[in-house]
């Protein structure tokens, strides 16, 4: 009997990415289930979304622990208890030190075309502001495996969007998020189907749609 992939979602904000994943699961596009939601901030909409979906949802705040290692251990324990197959960062703004057993099983989506506009402090509207101020003509999103360095894990998928001269950060954010809603579920699907292979900094995809004709 097929068992759906068990996802752990880590978030720090509004939960739009969680909503998108839940919607893709409900329509049958993802053979997965959200096994646990872990939030790092109180009072955020993402917590409400997890609870409304009937998902075990936990608040784990960094400041309630003695240090990064103690905080990270608490997060890892909850993921272990939920028997998570894949961890998806969804606007997660806290540092989780990834233990070796989870390396290769953690994904993130970044609202720019890495390696440009990545690194510490480059999140949300900060990224879009930097892209516009630099005069870029193209931006987009990047799904990548996560290691213990900011935005440096192997890239899985990227989708691009134009940047127009009259764009505000909100304009660009909305355009990029439309592509995030496509790219992240697709990367999760490829993981579930065993189509991703990591070799150093390269991710090869064993799927005809990603091969040159």
Protein backbone atom coordinates (compact mmCIF):
# COMPACT_ATOMS: atom_id res chain seq x y z
CA UNK A 1 0.00 0.00 0.00
CA UNK A 2 1.38 3.41 -1.00
CA UNK A 3 2.29 5.70 1.89
CA UNK A 4 2.28 9.41 1.15
CA UNK A 5 5.47 11.36 1.76
CA UNK A 6 5.39 12.95 5.19
CA UNK A 7 6.26 16.64 5.07
CA UNK A 8 7.43 18.86 7.90
CA UNK A 9 6.79 22.56 7.31
CA UNK A 10 8.89 25.20 9.08
CA UNK A 11 7.53 28.74 8.89
CA UNK A 12 7.78 32.19 10.44
CA UNK A 13 5.01 34.15 8.73
CA UNK A 14 1.75 34.17 6.85
CA UNK A 15 1.75 30.60 5.65
CA UNK A 16 1.02 31.18 1.96
CA UNK A 17 3.49 28.50 0.95
CA UNK A 18 1.87 26.07 3.39
CA UNK A 19 -1.51 26.91 1.87
CA UNK A 20 -0.17 26.20 -1.59
CA UNK A 21 1.26 22.83 -0.57
CA UNK A 22 -1.95 21.83 1.21
CA UNK A 23 -3.95 22.79 -1.87
CA UNK A 24 -1.70 20.71 -4.15
CA UNK A 25 -2.13 17.74 -1.82
CA UNK A 26 -5.91 18.11 -1.69
CA UNK A 27 -6.18 18.17 -5.49
CA UNK A 28 -4.02 15.08 -5.85
CA UNK A 29 -1.05 16.81 -7.46
CA UNK A 30 1.22 15.83 -4.57
CA UNK A 31 1.24 12.36 -3.05
CA UNK A 32 2.09 13.73 0.36
CA UNK A 33 0.71 14.75 3.71
CA UNK A 34 1.77 17.55 6.02
CA UNK A 35 2.76 15.67 9.15
CA UNK A 36 3.80 18.65 11.30
CA UNK A 37 4.04 22.44 11.19
CA UNK A 38 6.66 24.19 13.31
CA UNK A 39 6.50 27.97 13.72
CA UNK A 40 9.21 30.17 15.18
CA UNK A 41 7.02 33.20 15.93
CA UNK A 42 3.76 33.54 17.89
CA UNK A 43 0.58 35.04 16.48
CA UNK A 44 1.34 34.37 12.84
CA UNK A 45 -1.23 33.30 10.28
CA UNK A 46 0.78 30.19 9.40
CA UNK A 47 -0.07 28.71 12.81
CA UNK A 48 -3.78 29.23 12.17
CA UNK A 49 -3.53 27.60 8.75
CA UNK A 50 -1.79 24.52 10.16
CA UNK A 51 -4.32 24.12 12.95
CA UNK A 52 -7.28 24.68 10.62
CA UNK A 53 -5.96 21.89 8.40
CA UNK A 54 -5.82 19.54 11.37
CA UNK A 55 -2.02 19.35 11.29
CA UNK A 56 -0.09 19.05 14.58
CA UNK A 57 1.27 22.59 14.90
CA UNK A 58 3.97 23.71 17.33
CA UNK A 59 5.48 27.03 18.36
CA UNK A 60 9.22 26.73 19.02
CA UNK A 61 10.74 30.14 19.76
CA UNK A 62 14.53 30.55 19.62
CA UNK A 63 14.63 32.95 22.55
CA UNK A 64 13.20 30.31 24.86
CA UNK A 65 16.35 28.20 24.53
CA UNK A 66 19.88 28.62 25.83
CA UNK A 67 21.36 28.76 22.34
CA UNK A 68 21.13 27.75 18.70
CA UNK A 69 22.01 24.10 19.37
CA UNK A 70 19.33 23.64 22.04
CA UNK A 71 16.76 25.34 19.81
CA UNK A 72 17.76 23.21 16.81
CA UNK A 73 17.59 20.02 18.86
CA UNK A 74 14.02 20.87 19.87
CA UNK A 75 13.00 21.40 16.25
CA UNK A 76 14.70 18.17 15.15
CA UNK A 77 12.95 16.18 17.89
CA UNK A 78 9.53 17.32 16.69
CA UNK A 79 10.42 16.37 13.12
CA UNK A 80 11.65 12.96 14.32
CA UNK A 81 8.47 12.38 16.32
CA UNK A 82 6.38 13.19 13.24
CA UNK A 83 8.45 10.69 11.17
CA UNK A 84 9.08 13.33 8.52
CA UNK A 85 10.48 12.29 5.14
CA UNK A 86 11.08 15.80 3.78
CA UNK A 87 11.38 19.15 5.54
CA UNK A 88 10.14 22.20 3.64
CA UNK A 89 11.19 25.66 4.79
CA UNK A 90 8.37 28.07 4.06
CA UNK A 91 9.50 31.57 4.92
CA UNK A 92 11.42 30.26 7.94
CA UNK A 93 13.57 33.00 9.43
CA UNK A 94 15.24 31.20 12.33
CA UNK A 95 18.50 29.29 12.20
CA UNK A 96 17.92 25.56 12.45
CA UNK A 97 21.20 23.66 12.55
CA UNK A 98 20.45 20.69 10.32
CA UNK A 99 21.63 17.38 11.76
CA UNK A 100 23.37 14.94 9.40
CA UNK A 101 20.34 12.63 9.26
CA UNK A 102 18.32 15.39 7.55
CA UNK A 103 20.88 16.55 5.00
CA UNK A 104 19.48 15.88 1.54
CA UNK A 105 15.96 15.93 2.99
CA UNK A 106 15.48 19.68 3.50
CA UNK A 107 14.27 22.11 0.84
CA UNK A 108 13.82 25.85 0.72
CA UNK A 109 12.47 28.31 -1.82
CA UNK A 110 14.24 31.64 -2.24
CA UNK A 111 12.59 34.62 -3.98
CA UNK A 112 15.48 35.31 -6.37
CA UNK A 113 17.66 33.48 -8.86
CA UNK A 114 20.47 32.15 -6.68
CA UNK A 115 23.37 32.58 -6.29
CA UNK A 116 22.45 36.24 -6.84
CA UNK A 117 20.73 38.06 -3.98
CA UNK A 118 21.17 35.29 -1.43
CA UNK A 119 22.74 35.07 1.99
CA UNK A 120 22.02 36.41 5.45
CA UNK A 121 19.45 39.20 5.48
CA UNK A 122 18.23 38.44 1.97
CA UNK A 123 14.62 37.42 2.50
CA UNK A 124 11.16 38.63 1.56
CA UNK A 125 10.91 42.21 0.33
CA UNK A 126 14.58 42.84 1.13
CA UNK A 127 15.40 40.63 -1.86
CA UNK A 128 12.98 42.32 -4.24
CA UNK A 129 14.15 45.78 -3.17
CA UNK A 130 17.76 44.79 -3.86
CA UNK A 131 16.87 43.35 -7.27
CA UNK A 132 15.04 46.52 -8.33
CA UNK A 133 17.74 48.85 -7.01
CA UNK A 134 20.40 46.89 -8.90
CA UNK A 135 18.49 47.39 -12.13
CA UNK A 136 18.02 43.70 -12.90
CA UNK A 137 15.82 42.88 -15.88
CA UNK A 138 15.06 39.34 -14.71
CA UNK A 139 14.38 37.81 -11.31
CA UNK A 140 12.56 34.70 -10.15
CA UNK A 141 12.66 31.96 -7.56
CA UNK A 142 14.99 29.11 -6.68
CA UNK A 143 14.19 25.81 -4.96
CA UNK A 144 17.28 24.29 -3.43
CA UNK A 145 18.37 21.67 -0.95
CA UNK A 146 19.41 23.25 2.32
CA UNK A 147 22.71 22.83 4.10
CA UNK A 148 24.05 24.77 7.07
CA UNK A 149 25.11 27.82 5.03
CA UNK A 150 22.62 30.47 3.93
CA UNK A 151 21.26 29.83 0.42
CA UNK A 152 24.25 27.73 -0.66
CA UNK A 153 22.66 24.30 -1.05
CA UNK A 154 22.41 22.58 -4.45
CA UNK A 155 19.83 24.13 -6.76
CA UNK A 156 16.89 21.95 -7.80
CA UNK A 157 14.64 24.22 -9.89
CA UNK A 158 14.46 27.86 -10.94
CA UNK A 159 11.73 29.89 -12.61
CA UNK A 160 12.25 33.38 -14.00
CA UNK A 161 10.09 36.49 -14.28
CA UNK A 162 10.70 39.87 -15.92
CA UNK A 163 11.47 42.97 -13.86
CA UNK A 164 9.85 46.12 -15.22
CA UNK A 165 11.11 49.67 -14.75
CA UNK A 166 7.92 50.72 -12.98
CA UNK A 167 7.86 47.74 -10.57
CA UNK A 168 7.42 48.27 -6.85
CA UNK A 169 8.64 45.60 -4.45
CA UNK A 170 5.03 44.46 -4.08
CA UNK A 171 4.65 44.12 -7.85
CA UNK A 172 7.77 42.01 -8.15
CA UNK A 173 6.97 39.95 -5.05
CA UNK A 174 3.55 39.04 -6.46
CA UNK A 175 5.01 38.02 -9.82
CA UNK A 176 7.72 35.90 -8.19
CA UNK A 177 5.27 34.25 -5.79
CA UNK A 178 3.16 33.04 -8.71
CA UNK A 179 6.21 31.09 -9.87
CA UNK A 180 7.00 29.88 -6.35
CA UNK A 181 3.56 28.26 -6.27
CA UNK A 182 4.58 26.21 -9.32
CA UNK A 183 8.23 25.52 -8.54
CA UNK A 184 8.02 24.33 -4.93
CA UNK A 185 5.34 21.66 -5.42
CA UNK A 186 7.16 20.49 -8.54
CA UNK A 187 10.43 20.08 -6.63
CA UNK A 188 8.61 18.19 -3.89
CA UNK A 189 7.04 15.92 -6.52
CA UNK A 190 10.44 15.15 -8.01
CA UNK A 191 11.77 14.29 -4.55
CA UNK A 192 8.81 12.03 -3.77
CA UNK A 193 9.24 10.18 -7.05
CA UNK A 194 12.96 9.67 -6.43
CA UNK A 195 13.95 11.70 -9.47
CA UNK A 196 16.58 13.92 -7.81
CA UNK A 197 20.22 12.98 -7.48
CA UNK A 198 22.75 15.25 -5.78
CA UNK A 199 26.34 15.14 -6.97
CA UNK A 200 28.39 17.81 -5.23
CA UNK A 201 26.72 21.13 -6.02
CA UNK A 202 24.74 19.72 -8.93
CA UNK A 203 21.24 18.21 -8.85
CA UNK A 204 20.37 15.96 -11.78
CA UNK A 205 16.71 15.36 -12.56
CA UNK A 206 15.60 12.00 -13.96
CA UNK A 207 12.48 13.22 -15.72
CA UNK A 208 11.89 13.58 -19.49
CA UNK A 209 10.54 17.13 -19.14
CA UNK A 210 13.95 18.27 -17.89
CA UNK A 211 15.95 16.72 -20.72
CA UNK A 212 16.90 18.44 -23.93
CA UNK A 213 14.83 17.09 -26.79
